[in-house]
Amino acid sequence: MKILKNVSLKKYNTIKIGGPAKIIYFPENHNEIKSIKNILQKKKTLILGNGSNIAFRDVGYKHDLVCFKKLKKSLSLIGTNNIYASAGVSCAKLAKFAHRHNIPGFEFLYGIPGTVGGALRMNAGAFGSEIWDNVQYVTILNKNFDLVKLDKSKFKFSYRKVSMKNTSAFIDVYFKTFKNRKFQKNLLEEFSNKRIKTQPINQWSSGCVFKNPKKNISASSLIDKSHLSSTRYGGIYISNKHCNYFINDGSGSCNDLEKLIKIIQMDIYQQHKVKLEKEICIY
């Protein structure tokens, strides 16, 4: 198992900010996960995936980190229509795999920058679909850090939220398919083109910073209406393609990010009396 000490956390989150990590463990299989059970049981140990939807403060993270990025990745058909995926598989790869096998219902995942494990953790979604719509059951690390299989019915999930009452991390997932949903050959390309036109795909960001306050009200529309779309603090600025994406120009710090988040939250509340809730997790 690879173990790194005093390494920059900028390498381990998609917005590329953060100070040094005290120590990061990189288990590559289930046995190596079990071998660091004592590390995982520590209250402040943080589990990482691909690093989207997360940022680290400039002082770094002073506790243990466990990164599942190097866990063996596996993606396969179960029967003819259902899919097995390990947590480290990228959302884009899962979407392309399903599309290649003419399985509908996964196209929305194509442009989501994280892994399947992270997507399960936050119930990632786009274009009116969410990942938990497709779940049949999952393998988790429970609070005792034992590997356990659980049916979807054991979880409560809502918009960008999943109850993690007895779950420390997702290890793999079995997806069911929708028998009443028709496969649309051009849908993956349509979603991909829409993302390219409306989202800053190749820039340093964490994905969406704020949750949408209501189904019919997006955080980006509120920011745009409030004439805040060109706001910048230090090296972090609001994307001109999508107002809910904050971009690091290469010089940005976590302090810049947190200040910009507060500025937007305060202005939106003053203008619309709406409290924007963060989607990004900052440690």
C-alpha atoms as a PDB file:
ATOM      1  CA  MET A   1       0.000   0.000   0.000  1.00  0.00           C
ATOM      2  CA  LYS A   2       1.281   3.432  -0.935  1.00  0.00           C
ATOM      3  CA  ILE A   3       1.582   5.934   1.936  1.00  0.00           C
ATOM      4  CA  LEU A   4       2.494   9.599   1.425  1.00  0.00           C
ATOM      5  CA  LYS A   5       3.420  12.194   4.074  1.00  0.00           C
ATOM      6  CA  ASN A   6       3.442  15.996   3.895  1.00  0.00           C
ATOM      7  CA  VAL A   7       2.182  16.023   0.317  1.00  0.00           C
ATOM      8  CA  SER A   8       0.248  18.976  -1.146  1.00  0.00           C
ATOM      9  CA  LEU A   9      -3.514  18.463  -1.120  1.00  0.00           C
ATOM     10  CA  LYS A  10      -3.833  20.499  -4.321  1.00  0.00           C
ATOM     11  CA  LYS A  11      -3.159  17.238  -6.148  1.00  0.00           C
ATOM     12  CA  TYR A  12      -6.166  15.552  -4.557  1.00  0.00           C
ATOM     13  CA  ASN A  13      -9.080  17.892  -5.290  1.00  0.00           C
ATOM     14  CA  THR A  14     -10.346  19.155  -8.624  1.00  0.00           C
ATOM     15  CA  ILE A  15     -10.287  22.857  -7.685  1.00  0.00           C
ATOM     16  CA  LYS A  16      -6.570  22.464  -6.832  1.00  0.00           C
ATOM     17  CA  ILE A  17      -6.389  24.229  -3.475  1.00  0.00           C
ATOM     18  CA  GLY A  18      -5.228  23.254   0.009  1.00  0.00           C
ATOM     19  CA  GLY A  19      -2.159  23.000   2.199  1.00  0.00           C
ATOM     20  CA  PRO A  20      -0.193  19.870   3.097  1.00  0.00           C
ATOM     21  CA  ALA A  21      -1.632  16.517   4.151  1.00  0.00           C
ATOM     22  CA  LYS A  22      -0.156  14.993   7.267  1.00  0.00           C
ATOM     23  CA  ILE A  23      -0.464  11.489   5.796  1.00  0.00           C
ATOM     24  CA  ILE A  24      -2.480   9.777   3.029  1.00  0.00           C
ATOM     25  CA  TYR A  25      -3.027   6.018   2.735  1.00  0.00           C
ATOM     26  CA  PHE A  26      -3.865   4.508  -0.670  1.00  0.00           C
ATOM     27  CA  PRO A  27      -5.350   1.004  -0.227  1.00  0.00           C
ATOM     28  CA  GLU A  28      -5.578  -0.979  -3.464  1.00  0.00           C
ATOM     29  CA  ASN A  29      -7.894  -3.832  -2.409  1.00  0.00           C
ATOM     30  CA  HIS A  30     -10.278  -4.992   0.318  1.00  0.00           C
ATOM     31  CA  ASN A  31      -7.501  -6.642   2.357  1.00  0.00           C
ATOM     32  CA  GLU A  32      -5.555  -3.396   2.488  1.00  0.00           C
ATOM     33  CA  ILE A  33      -8.692  -1.566   3.616  1.00  0.00           C
ATOM     34  CA  LYS A  34      -9.009  -4.093   6.456  1.00  0.00           C
ATOM     35  CA  SER A  35      -5.322  -3.617   7.357  1.00  0.00           C
ATOM     36  CA  ILE A  36      -5.896   0.084   8.128  1.00  0.00           C
ATOM     37  CA  LYS A  37      -9.103  -0.445  10.086  1.00  0.00           C
ATOM     38  CA  ASN A  38      -7.528   1.277  13.119  1.00  0.00           C
ATOM     39  CA  ILE A  39      -6.824   4.356  10.965  1.00  0.00           C
ATOM     40  CA  LEU A  40     -10.328   4.392   9.507  1.00  0.00           C
ATOM     41  CA  GLN A  41     -11.848   4.173  12.990  1.00  0.00           C
ATOM     42  CA  LYS A  42     -10.309   7.472  14.051  1.00  0.00           C
ATOM     43  CA  LYS A  43     -12.992  10.124  14.342  1.00  0.00           C
ATOM     44  CA  LYS A  44     -11.294  12.694  12.087  1.00  0.00           C
ATOM     45  CA  THR A  45      -9.990  10.340   9.396  1.00  0.00           C
ATOM     46  CA  LEU A  46     -11.291  11.545   6.036  1.00  0.00           C
ATOM     47  CA  ILE A  47     -11.977   9.267   3.068  1.00  0.00           C
ATOM     48  CA  LEU A  48     -11.263  10.669  -0.399  1.00  0.00           C
ATOM     49  CA  GLY A  49     -12.219   9.644  -3.904  1.00  0.00           C
ATOM     50  CA  ASN A  50     -11.442  11.665  -7.011  1.00  0.00           C
ATOM     51  CA  GLY A  51     -11.606  14.967  -5.122  1.00  0.00           C
ATOM     52  CA  SER A  52     -14.536  16.713  -6.799  1.00  0.00           C
ATOM     53  CA  ASN A  53     -17.021  18.562  -4.570  1.00  0.00           C
ATOM     54  CA  ILE A  54     -14.323  19.013  -1.916  1.00  0.00           C
ATOM     55  CA  ALA A  55     -11.679  21.575  -0.956  1.00  0.00           C
ATOM     56  CA  PHE A  56      -8.989  21.777   1.714  1.00  0.00           C
ATOM     57  CA  ARG A  57      -8.029  24.773   3.789  1.00  0.00           C
ATOM     58  CA  ASP A  58      -4.694  26.483   3.273  1.00  0.00           C
ATOM     59  CA  VAL A  59      -3.272  25.139   6.552  1.00  0.00           C
ATOM     60  CA  GLY A  60      -3.764  21.614   5.217  1.00  0.00           C
ATOM     61  CA  TYR A  61      -5.352  18.615   6.928  1.00  0.00           C
ATOM     62  CA  LYS A  62      -3.733  17.581  10.196  1.00  0.00           C
ATOM     63  CA  HIS A  63      -5.451  14.208  10.534  1.00  0.00           C
ATOM     64  CA  ASP A  64      -5.281  10.952   8.591  1.00  0.00           C
ATOM     65  CA  LEU A  65      -6.571  10.736   5.029  1.00  0.00           C
ATOM     66  CA  VAL A  66      -7.480   7.546   3.184  1.00  0.00           C
ATOM     67  CA  CYS A  67      -7.751   7.835  -0.594  1.00  0.00           C
ATOM     68  CA  PHE A  68      -9.635   5.148  -2.549  1.00  0.00           C
ATOM     69  CA  LYS A  69      -8.303   6.451  -5.871  1.00  0.00           C
ATOM     70  CA  LYS A  70      -6.023   3.429  -6.305  1.00  0.00           C
ATOM     71  CA  LEU A  71      -8.606   0.803  -5.331  1.00  0.00           C
ATOM     72  CA  LYS A  72      -8.980  -1.828  -8.012  1.00  0.00           C
ATOM     73  CA  LYS A  73     -11.547  -0.574 -10.508  1.00  0.00           C
ATOM     74  CA  SER A  74     -14.125  -2.982 -11.850  1.00  0.00           C
ATOM     75  CA  LEU A  75     -17.078  -2.508 -14.163  1.00  0.00           C
ATOM     76  CA  SER A  76     -19.137  -5.369 -15.575  1.00  0.00           C
ATOM     77  CA  LEU A  77     -22.535  -6.556 -16.755  1.00  0.00           C
ATOM     78  CA  ILE A  78     -24.629  -8.695 -14.429  1.00  0.00           C
ATOM     79  CA  GLY A  79     -26.798 -10.790 -16.691  1.00  0.00           C
ATOM     80  CA  THR A  80     -27.665  -8.769 -19.785  1.00  0.00           C
ATOM     81  CA  ASN A  81     -28.949  -5.496 -18.345  1.00  0.00           C
ATOM     82  CA  ASN A  82     -27.693  -4.847 -14.809  1.00  0.00           C
ATOM     83  CA  ILE A  83     -24.329  -3.303 -13.958  1.00  0.00           C
ATOM     84  CA  TYR A  84     -21.729  -3.822 -11.228  1.00  0.00           C
ATOM     85  CA  ALA A  85     -19.289  -0.961 -10.508  1.00  0.00           C
ATOM     86  CA  SER A  86     -16.594  -0.498  -7.889  1.00  0.00           C
ATOM     87  CA  ALA A  87     -16.480   2.867  -6.126  1.00  0.00           C
ATOM     88  CA  GLY A  88     -13.353   4.097  -7.914  1.00  0.00           C
ATOM     89  CA  VAL A  89     -14.846   3.896 -11.417  1.00  0.00           C
ATOM     90  CA  SER A  90     -15.402   7.351 -12.896  1.00  0.00           C
ATOM     91  CA  CYS A  91     -18.957   8.496 -13.534  1.00  0.00           C
ATOM     92  CA  ALA A  92     -18.036   9.188 -17.159  1.00  0.00           C
ATOM     93  CA  LYS A  93     -16.712   5.654 -17.655  1.00  0.00           C
ATOM     94  CA  LEU A  94     -19.894   4.158 -16.171  1.00  0.00           C
ATOM     95  CA  ALA A  95     -22.046   6.292 -18.478  1.00  0.00           C
ATOM     96  CA  LYS A  96     -20.049   5.218 -21.557  1.00  0.00           C
ATOM     97  CA  PHE A  97     -20.121   1.561 -20.474  1.00  0.00           C
ATOM     98  CA  ALA A  98     -23.921   1.597 -20.130  1.00  0.00           C
ATOM     99  CA  HIS A  99     -24.264   3.402 -23.456  1.00  0.00           C
ATOM    100  CA  ARG A 100     -22.019   0.877 -25.212  1.00  0.00           C
ATOM    101  CA  HIS A 101     -24.316  -1.915 -23.979  1.00  0.00           C
ATOM    102  CA  ASN A 102     -27.492  -0.013 -24.951  1.00  0.00           C
ATOM    103  CA  ILE A 103     -28.569   0.377 -21.306  1.00  0.00           C
ATOM    104  CA  PRO A 104     -30.569   3.577 -20.630  1.00  0.00           C
ATOM    105  CA  GLY A 105     -30.650   5.715 -17.490  1.00  0.00           C
ATOM    106  CA  PHE A 106     -26.948   6.456 -16.973  1.00  0.00           C
ATOM    107  CA  GLU A 107     -26.334   9.140 -19.624  1.00  0.00           C
ATOM    108  CA  PHE A 108     -26.647  12.006 -17.121  1.00  0.00           C
ATOM    109  CA  LEU A 109     -23.487  10.790 -15.330  1.00  0.00           C
ATOM    110  CA  TYR A 110     -21.229  11.428 -18.317  1.00  0.00           C
ATOM    111  CA  GLY A 111     -20.103  14.959 -17.375  1.00  0.00           C
ATOM    112  CA  ILE A 112     -20.003  14.512 -13.599  1.00  0.00           C
ATOM    113  CA  PRO A 113     -16.292  14.765 -12.689  1.00  0.00           C
ATOM    114  CA  GLY A 114     -16.196  12.413  -9.702  1.00  0.00           C
ATOM    115  CA  THR A 115     -16.244   8.676  -9.082  1.00  0.00           C
ATOM    116  CA  VAL A 116     -19.165   6.337  -8.477  1.00  0.00           C
ATOM    117  CA  GLY A 117     -18.391   6.222  -4.729  1.00  0.00           C
ATOM    118  CA  GLY A 118     -18.479   9.998  -4.409  1.00  0.00           C
ATOM    119  CA  ALA A 119     -21.618  10.189  -6.533  1.00  0.00           C
ATOM    120  CA  LEU A 120     -23.356   7.712  -4.219  1.00  0.00           C
ATOM    121  CA  ARG A 121     -22.215   9.692  -1.182  1.00  0.00           C
ATOM    122  CA  MET A 122     -23.894  12.905  -2.353  1.00  0.00           C
ATOM    123  CA  ASN A 123     -26.625  11.464  -4.606  1.00  0.00           C
ATOM    124  CA  ALA A 124     -25.112  13.185  -7.629  1.00  0.00           C
ATOM    125  CA  GLY A 125     -27.453  14.075 -10.432  1.00  0.00           C
ATOM    126  CA  ALA A 126     -28.091  16.096 -13.574  1.00  0.00           C
ATOM    127  CA  PHE A 127     -30.757  16.597 -16.228  1.00  0.00           C
ATOM    128  CA  GLY A 128     -33.516  15.465 -13.858  1.00  0.00           C
ATOM    129  CA  SER A 129     -31.884  12.156 -12.855  1.00  0.00           C
ATOM    130  CA  GLU A 130     -29.977  11.044  -9.733  1.00  0.00           C
ATOM    131  CA  ILE A 131     -27.615   8.113  -9.235  1.00  0.00           C
ATOM    132  CA  TRP A 132     -29.714   6.502  -6.484  1.00  0.00           C
ATOM    133  CA  ASP A 133     -32.580   6.149  -8.988  1.00  0.00           C
ATOM    134  CA  ASN A 134     -30.593   3.250 -10.472  1.00  0.00           C
ATOM    135  CA  VAL A 135     -29.214   1.552  -7.344  1.00  0.00           C
ATOM    136  CA  GLN A 136     -30.231  -1.988  -6.363  1.00  0.00           C
ATOM    137  CA  TYR A 137     -27.768  -2.594  -3.513  1.00  0.00           C
ATOM    138  CA  VAL A 138     -24.326  -1.474  -2.379  1.00  0.00           C
ATOM    139  CA  THR A 139     -21.309  -2.749  -0.459  1.00  0.00           C
ATOM    140  CA  ILE A 140     -20.307  -0.356   2.282  1.00  0.00           C
ATOM    141  CA  LEU A 141     -17.771   0.101   5.015  1.00  0.00           C
ATOM    142  CA  ASN A 142     -19.951   0.338   8.112  1.00  0.00           C
ATOM    143  CA  LYS A 143     -19.073   2.308  11.247  1.00  0.00           C
ATOM    144  CA  ASN A 144     -17.102  -0.692  12.549  1.00  0.00           C
ATOM    145  CA  PHE A 145     -15.270  -0.675   9.179  1.00  0.00           C
ATOM    146  CA  ASP A 146     -16.524  -4.097   8.187  1.00  0.00           C
ATOM    147  CA  LEU A 147     -17.623  -4.715   4.592  1.00  0.00           C
ATOM    148  CA  VAL A 148     -21.401  -5.186   4.429  1.00  0.00           C
ATOM    149  CA  LYS A 149     -23.891  -5.502   1.545  1.00  0.00           C
ATOM    150  CA  LEU A 150     -27.052  -3.426   1.942  1.00  0.00           C
ATOM    151  CA  ASP A 151     -30.202  -3.075  -0.120  1.00  0.00           C
ATOM    152  CA  LYS A 152     -31.195   0.360  -1.424  1.00  0.00           C
ATOM    153  CA  SER A 153     -34.167   0.292   0.979  1.00  0.00           C
ATOM    154  CA  LYS A 154     -31.750   0.685   3.921  1.00  0.00           C
ATOM    155  CA  PHE A 155     -30.880   4.233   2.840  1.00  0.00           C
ATOM    156  CA  LYS A 156     -32.744   7.504   2.923  1.00  0.00           C
ATOM    157  CA  PHE A 157     -31.797   9.830   0.110  1.00  0.00           C
ATOM    158  CA  SER A 158     -32.973  13.179  -1.194  1.00  0.00           C
ATOM    159  CA  TYR A 159     -31.611  16.014  -3.292  1.00  0.00           C
ATOM    160  CA  ARG A 160     -27.770  15.880  -3.006  1.00  0.00           C
ATOM    161  CA  LYS A 161     -28.042  14.035   0.272  1.00  0.00           C
ATOM    162  CA  VAL A 162     -27.822  10.445   1.526  1.00  0.00           C
ATOM    163  CA  SER A 163     -28.264   9.254   5.095  1.00  0.00           C
ATOM    164  CA  MET A 164     -24.865   7.899   6.219  1.00  0.00           C
ATOM    165  CA  LYS A 165     -26.042   6.794   9.660  1.00  0.00           C
ATOM    166  CA  ASN A 166     -24.140   3.500   9.661  1.00  0.00           C
ATOM    167  CA  THR A 167     -21.973   4.031   6.573  1.00  0.00           C
ATOM    168  CA  SER A 168     -18.386   5.274   6.403  1.00  0.00           C
ATOM    169  CA  ALA A 169     -17.820   4.734   2.676  1.00  0.00           C
ATOM    170  CA  PHE A 170     -19.226   3.043  -0.408  1.00  0.00           C
ATOM    171  CA  ILE A 171     -17.084   0.252  -1.862  1.00  0.00           C
ATOM    172  CA  ASP A 172     -19.163  -0.968  -4.808  1.00  0.00           C
ATOM    173  CA  VAL A 173     -22.677  -0.915  -6.206  1.00  0.00           C
ATOM    174  CA  TYR A 174     -25.082  -3.072  -8.203  1.00  0.00           C
ATOM    175  CA  PHE A 175     -27.321  -1.072 -10.530  1.00  0.00           C
ATOM    176  CA  LYS A 176     -30.677  -2.169 -11.869  1.00  0.00           C
ATOM    177  CA  THR A 177     -32.043  -0.986 -15.197  1.00  0.00           C
ATOM    178  CA  PHE A 178     -35.391   0.489 -16.135  1.00  0.00           C
ATOM    179  CA  LYS A 179     -37.403  -1.954 -18.251  1.00  0.00           C
ATOM    180  CA  ASN A 180     -39.874   0.761 -19.217  1.00  0.00           C
ATOM    181  CA  ARG A 181     -37.187   3.230 -20.353  1.00  0.00           C
ATOM    182  CA  LYS A 182     -36.116   3.167 -23.997  1.00  0.00           C
ATOM    183  CA  PHE A 183     -32.466   3.440 -24.963  1.00  0.00           C
ATOM    184  CA  GLN A 184     -31.813   6.648 -26.910  1.00  0.00           C
ATOM    185  CA  LYS A 185     -28.671   6.382 -28.997  1.00  0.00           C
ATOM    186  CA  ASN A 186     -28.054  10.154 -29.225  1.00  0.00           C
ATOM    187  CA  LEU A 187     -28.824  11.057 -25.601  1.00  0.00           C
ATOM    188  CA  LEU A 188     -25.247  10.689 -24.281  1.00  0.00           C
ATOM    189  CA  GLU A 189     -23.949  12.973 -27.031  1.00  0.00           C
ATOM    190  CA  GLU A 190     -26.762  15.474 -26.416  1.00  0.00           C
ATOM    191  CA  PHE A 191     -25.962  15.696 -22.694  1.00  0.00           C
ATOM    192  CA  SER A 192     -22.231  15.910 -23.442  1.00  0.00           C
ATOM    193  CA  ASN A 193     -22.700  18.776 -25.912  1.00  0.00           C
ATOM    194  CA  LYS A 194     -24.983  20.598 -23.504  1.00  0.00           C
ATOM    195  CA  ARG A 195     -22.352  20.373 -20.753  1.00  0.00           C
ATOM    196  CA  ILE A 196     -19.601  21.628 -23.056  1.00  0.00           C
ATOM    197  CA  LYS A 197     -21.748  24.645 -23.976  1.00  0.00           C
ATOM    198  CA  THR A 198     -22.927  25.466 -20.451  1.00  0.00           C
ATOM    199  CA  GLN A 199     -20.216  24.279 -18.023  1.00  0.00           C
ATOM    200  CA  PRO A 200     -16.485  25.060 -17.605  1.00  0.00           C
ATOM    201  CA  ILE A 201     -15.371  21.485 -18.317  1.00  0.00           C
ATOM    202  CA  ASN A 202     -11.594  21.964 -18.556  1.00  0.00           C
ATOM    203  CA  GLN A 203     -11.055  24.500 -15.773  1.00  0.00           C
ATOM    204  CA  TRP A 204     -10.160  23.989 -12.111  1.00  0.00           C
ATOM    205  CA  SER A 205     -13.405  23.834 -10.167  1.00  0.00           C
ATOM    206  CA  SER A 206     -15.125  21.597  -7.645  1.00  0.00           C
ATOM    207  CA  GLY A 207     -18.344  21.307  -9.631  1.00  0.00           C
ATOM    208  CA  CYS A 208     -21.388  23.181  -8.338  1.00  0.00           C
ATOM    209  CA  VAL A 209     -20.661  25.174  -5.171  1.00  0.00           C
ATOM    210  CA  PHE A 210     -24.253  25.603  -3.958  1.00  0.00           C
ATOM    211  CA  LYS A 211     -27.278  23.336  -3.782  1.00  0.00           C
ATOM    212  CA  ASN A 212     -30.310  24.551  -5.705  1.00  0.00           C
ATOM    213  CA  PRO A 213     -32.663  26.062  -3.082  1.00  0.00           C
ATOM    214  CA  LYS A 214     -35.787  24.657  -4.789  1.00  0.00           C
ATOM    215  CA  LYS A 215     -36.559  22.356  -7.714  1.00  0.00           C
ATOM    216  CA  ASN A 216     -37.698  25.284  -9.828  1.00  0.00           C
ATOM    217  CA  ILE A 217     -35.058  27.755  -8.588  1.00  0.00           C
ATOM    218  CA  SER A 218     -31.384  27.145  -9.353  1.00  0.00           C
ATOM    219  CA  ALA A 219     -28.511  28.718  -7.469  1.00  0.00           C
ATOM    220  CA  SER A 220     -26.940  29.784 -10.771  1.00  0.00           C
ATOM    221  CA  SER A 221     -30.074  31.672 -11.875  1.00  0.00           C
ATOM    222  CA  LEU A 222     -30.161  33.562  -8.565  1.00  0.00           C
ATOM    223  CA  ILE A 223     -26.493  34.538  -8.902  1.00  0.00           C
ATOM    224  CA  ASP A 224     -27.051  35.647 -12.489  1.00  0.00           C
ATOM    225  CA  LYS A 225     -30.201  37.670 -11.652  1.00  0.00           C
ATOM    226  CA  SER A 226     -28.332  39.374  -8.842  1.00  0.00           C
ATOM    227  CA  HIS A 227     -25.608  40.623 -11.226  1.00  0.00           C
ATOM    228  CA  LEU A 228     -22.930  38.678  -9.368  1.00  0.00           C
ATOM    229  CA  SER A 229     -21.776  36.552 -12.309  1.00  0.00           C
ATOM    230  CA  SER A 230     -18.466  38.395 -12.732  1.00  0.00           C
ATOM    231  CA  THR A 231     -17.551  38.397  -9.023  1.00  0.00           C
ATOM    232  CA  ARG A 232     -14.005  37.452  -8.049  1.00  0.00           C
ATOM    233  CA  TYR A 233     -12.101  37.195  -4.790  1.00  0.00           C
ATOM    234  CA  GLY A 234      -8.342  36.763  -5.138  1.00  0.00           C
ATOM    235  CA  GLY A 235      -7.647  33.864  -7.475  1.00  0.00           C
ATOM    236  CA  ILE A 236     -11.187  32.428  -7.373  1.00  0.00           C
ATOM    237  CA  TYR A 237     -13.872  33.756  -9.700  1.00  0.00           C
ATOM    238  CA  ILE A 238     -17.370  32.839 -10.863  1.00  0.00           C
ATOM    239  CA  SER A 239     -17.468  31.077 -14.219  1.00  0.00           C
ATOM    240  CA  ASN A 240     -19.042  33.057 -17.051  1.00  0.00           C
ATOM    241  CA  LYS A 241     -20.405  29.774 -18.446  1.00  0.00           C
ATOM    242  CA  HIS A 242     -22.178  28.620 -15.274  1.00  0.00           C
ATOM    243  CA  CYS A 243     -22.625  30.880 -12.245  1.00  0.00           C
ATOM    244  CA  ASN A 244     -22.613  27.981  -9.768  1.00  0.00           C
ATOM    245  CA  TYR A 245     -19.061  26.980 -10.749  1.00  0.00           C
ATOM    246  CA  PHE A 246     -16.206  28.814  -9.041  1.00  0.00           C
ATOM    247  CA  ILE A 247     -12.911  28.686 -10.947  1.00  0.00           C
ATOM    248  CA  ASN A 248      -9.360  28.693  -9.612  1.00  0.00           C
ATOM    249  CA  ASP A 249      -7.162  30.757 -11.974  1.00  0.00           C
ATOM    250  CA  GLY A 250      -4.080  28.984 -10.618  1.00  0.00           C
ATOM    251  CA  SER A 251      -3.356  31.424  -7.812  1.00  0.00           C
ATOM    252  CA  GLY A 252      -6.500  30.785  -5.762  1.00  0.00           C
ATOM    253  CA  SER A 253      -6.515  29.764  -2.106  1.00  0.00           C
ATOM    254  CA  CYS A 254      -9.136  28.207   0.116  1.00  0.00           C
ATOM    255  CA  ASN A 255      -9.395  31.540   1.909  1.00  0.00           C
ATOM    256  CA  ASP A 256     -10.331  33.126  -1.444  1.00  0.00           C
ATOM    257  CA  LEU A 257     -12.940  30.410  -2.035  1.00  0.00           C
ATOM    258  CA  GLU A 258     -14.537  30.752   1.406  1.00  0.00           C
ATOM    259  CA  LYS A 259     -14.621  34.551   1.149  1.00  0.00           C
ATOM    260  CA  LEU A 260     -16.290  34.386  -2.269  1.00  0.00           C
ATOM    261  CA  ILE A 261     -18.837  31.863  -0.982  1.00  0.00           C
ATOM    262  CA  LYS A 262     -19.737  34.199   1.917  1.00  0.00           C
ATOM    263  CA  ILE A 263     -20.017  37.227  -0.389  1.00  0.00           C
ATOM    264  CA  ILE A 264     -22.455  35.387  -2.673  1.00  0.00           C
ATOM    265  CA  GLN A 265     -24.479  33.958   0.231  1.00  0.00           C
ATOM    266  CA  MET A 266     -24.845  37.405   1.824  1.00  0.00           C
ATOM    267  CA  ASP A 267     -25.806  39.156  -1.412  1.00  0.00           C
ATOM    268  CA  ILE A 268     -28.339  36.503  -2.406  1.00  0.00           C
ATOM    269  CA  TYR A 269     -29.934  36.662   1.026  1.00  0.00           C
ATOM    270  CA  GLN A 270     -30.089  40.467   0.962  1.00  0.00           C
ATOM    271  CA  GLN A 271     -31.640  40.535  -2.505  1.00  0.00           C
ATOM    272  CA  HIS A 272     -33.894  37.456  -2.415  1.00  0.00           C
ATOM    273  CA  LYS A 273     -34.115  36.350   1.237  1.00  0.00           C
ATOM    274  CA  VAL A 274     -32.835  32.928   0.150  1.00  0.00           C
ATOM    275  CA  LYS A 275     -30.141  31.117   2.132  1.00  0.00           C
ATOM    276  CA  LEU A 276     -27.858  29.289  -0.275  1.00  0.00           C
ATOM    277  CA  GLU A 277     -26.516  26.044   1.182  1.00  0.00           C
ATOM    278  CA  LYS A 278     -23.060  24.832   0.186  1.00  0.00           C
ATOM    279  CA  GLU A 279     -22.786  21.665  -1.885  1.00  0.00           C
ATOM    280  CA  ILE A 280     -18.980  21.699  -1.704  1.00  0.00           C
ATOM    281  CA  CYS A 281     -17.386  20.221   1.454  1.00  0.00           C
ATOM    282  CA  ILE A 282     -14.485  22.214   2.945  1.00  0.00           C
ATOM    283  CA  TYR A 283     -12.075  20.649   5.459  1.00  0.00           C
END
